[in-house]
Protein backbone atom coordinates (compact mmCIF):
# COMPACT_ATOMS: atom_id res chain seq x y z
CA MET A 1 -0.16 0.06 -0.47
CA SER A 2 1.65 3.38 -1.04
CA LYS A 3 1.79 6.34 0.89
CA ARG A 4 -1.12 9.00 0.24
CA GLU A 5 1.36 12.57 -0.05
CA PHE A 6 5.10 12.72 -0.43
CA THR A 7 6.68 15.85 0.88
CA PHE A 8 9.24 18.12 0.46
CA ASP A 9 10.91 16.11 3.78
CA ASP A 10 10.21 12.95 2.49
CA LEU A 11 12.26 14.38 -0.86
CA LYS A 12 14.80 15.60 0.56
CA ARG A 13 15.18 12.71 3.35
CA ILE A 14 15.58 10.31 -0.07
CA LEU A 15 18.69 12.34 -1.79
CA LEU A 16 20.42 12.44 1.26
CA GLU A 17 19.83 8.45 1.65
CA GLY A 18 20.53 7.80 -1.86
CA ALA A 19 23.35 10.31 -3.14
CA GLY A 20 24.21 12.20 0.15
CA ALA A 21 25.04 15.69 -0.30
CA ASP A 22 27.14 17.90 -1.99
CA GLU A 23 29.20 20.80 0.74
CA GLY A 24 27.95 23.77 0.55
CA VAL A 25 24.60 22.66 -0.19
CA ASP A 26 22.47 23.07 2.73
CA LEU A 27 18.99 21.01 1.84
CA ASP A 28 17.37 22.60 4.39
CA GLY A 29 17.30 25.85 2.91
CA ASP A 30 15.41 27.64 0.92
CA ILE A 31 16.40 25.26 -2.40
CA LEU A 32 12.42 24.64 -3.38
CA ASP A 33 12.92 25.86 -7.12
CA SER A 34 17.04 25.63 -7.18
CA GLU A 35 17.36 22.60 -10.08
CA PHE A 36 18.80 19.74 -9.13
CA GLU A 37 22.22 20.31 -11.28
CA THR A 38 23.01 23.23 -9.35
CA LEU A 39 22.13 21.49 -6.19
CA GLY A 40 24.85 18.97 -7.14
CA TYR A 41 22.28 15.79 -8.11
CA GLU A 42 23.06 14.70 -11.72
CA SER A 43 21.49 11.96 -13.72
CA LEU A 44 23.12 8.96 -11.71
CA ALA A 45 21.83 10.29 -8.16
CA LEU A 46 18.52 11.59 -9.66
CA LEU A 47 18.09 7.49 -11.43
CA GLU A 48 18.55 6.34 -7.98
CA THR A 49 16.47 8.91 -6.14
CA GLY A 50 13.52 7.37 -8.39
CA GLY A 51 14.11 3.95 -7.19
CA ARG A 52 13.93 4.61 -3.79
CA ILE A 53 10.32 7.08 -3.89
CA GLU A 54 9.39 4.64 -6.47
CA ARG A 55 9.80 1.53 -4.61
CA GLU A 56 8.66 3.72 -1.05
CA PHE A 57 5.33 4.82 -2.03
CA GLY A 58 4.83 2.17 -4.75
CA ILE A 59 4.42 3.62 -8.16
CA THR A 60 6.29 3.82 -11.33
CA LEU A 61 7.65 7.32 -11.91
CA ASP A 62 7.74 8.17 -15.68
CA ASP A 63 11.61 8.28 -17.23
CA ASP A 64 11.45 12.21 -17.70
CA VAL A 65 9.74 12.88 -14.39
CA PHE A 66 13.10 14.58 -13.69
CA THR A 67 13.52 16.14 -16.78
CA ASP A 68 10.62 17.80 -16.75
CA ASN A 69 10.44 19.08 -13.37
CA PRO A 70 13.94 20.06 -12.18
CA THR A 71 13.74 21.31 -9.27
CA PRO A 72 11.93 19.81 -5.93
CA ARG A 73 9.03 21.89 -5.74
CA SER A 74 8.16 20.86 -9.31
CA LEU A 75 8.81 16.94 -8.64
CA VAL A 76 7.04 16.70 -5.23
CA THR A 77 4.37 17.89 -7.17
CA ALA A 78 4.76 15.80 -9.89
CA ILE A 79 4.85 12.76 -7.09
CA ASN A 80 2.10 13.52 -5.41
CA GLU A 81 0.04 13.50 -8.66
CA SER A 82 1.30 10.13 -9.90
CA LEU A 83 -0.08 8.89 -6.14
CA SER A 84 -2.74 10.49 -6.38
CA ALA A 85 -3.73 9.08 -10.01
CA LEU A 86 -2.71 5.57 -8.25
CA VAL A 87 -5.24 6.16 -5.51
CA ASP A 88 -8.35 7.81 -7.88
CA ALA A 89 -7.48 4.26 -9.95
């Protein structure tokens, strides 16, 4: 059974568990609209993050989810849309 809401705190936790954080990047700062690349997360780290989100929340993410949602704010929104679609199905 999947959780109903994916939060920014969930994203931060999963990013840290899977890829850590670059020195000088404060994930507790105002990063909602910063691009993942600027935060030091490149494609491999984002693939790992996506896999962890899929397993933990019981959803399947589109291959382009990180390309289409390059910031934490847009990614959280996209994942919640996926979760909502799963619940509504």
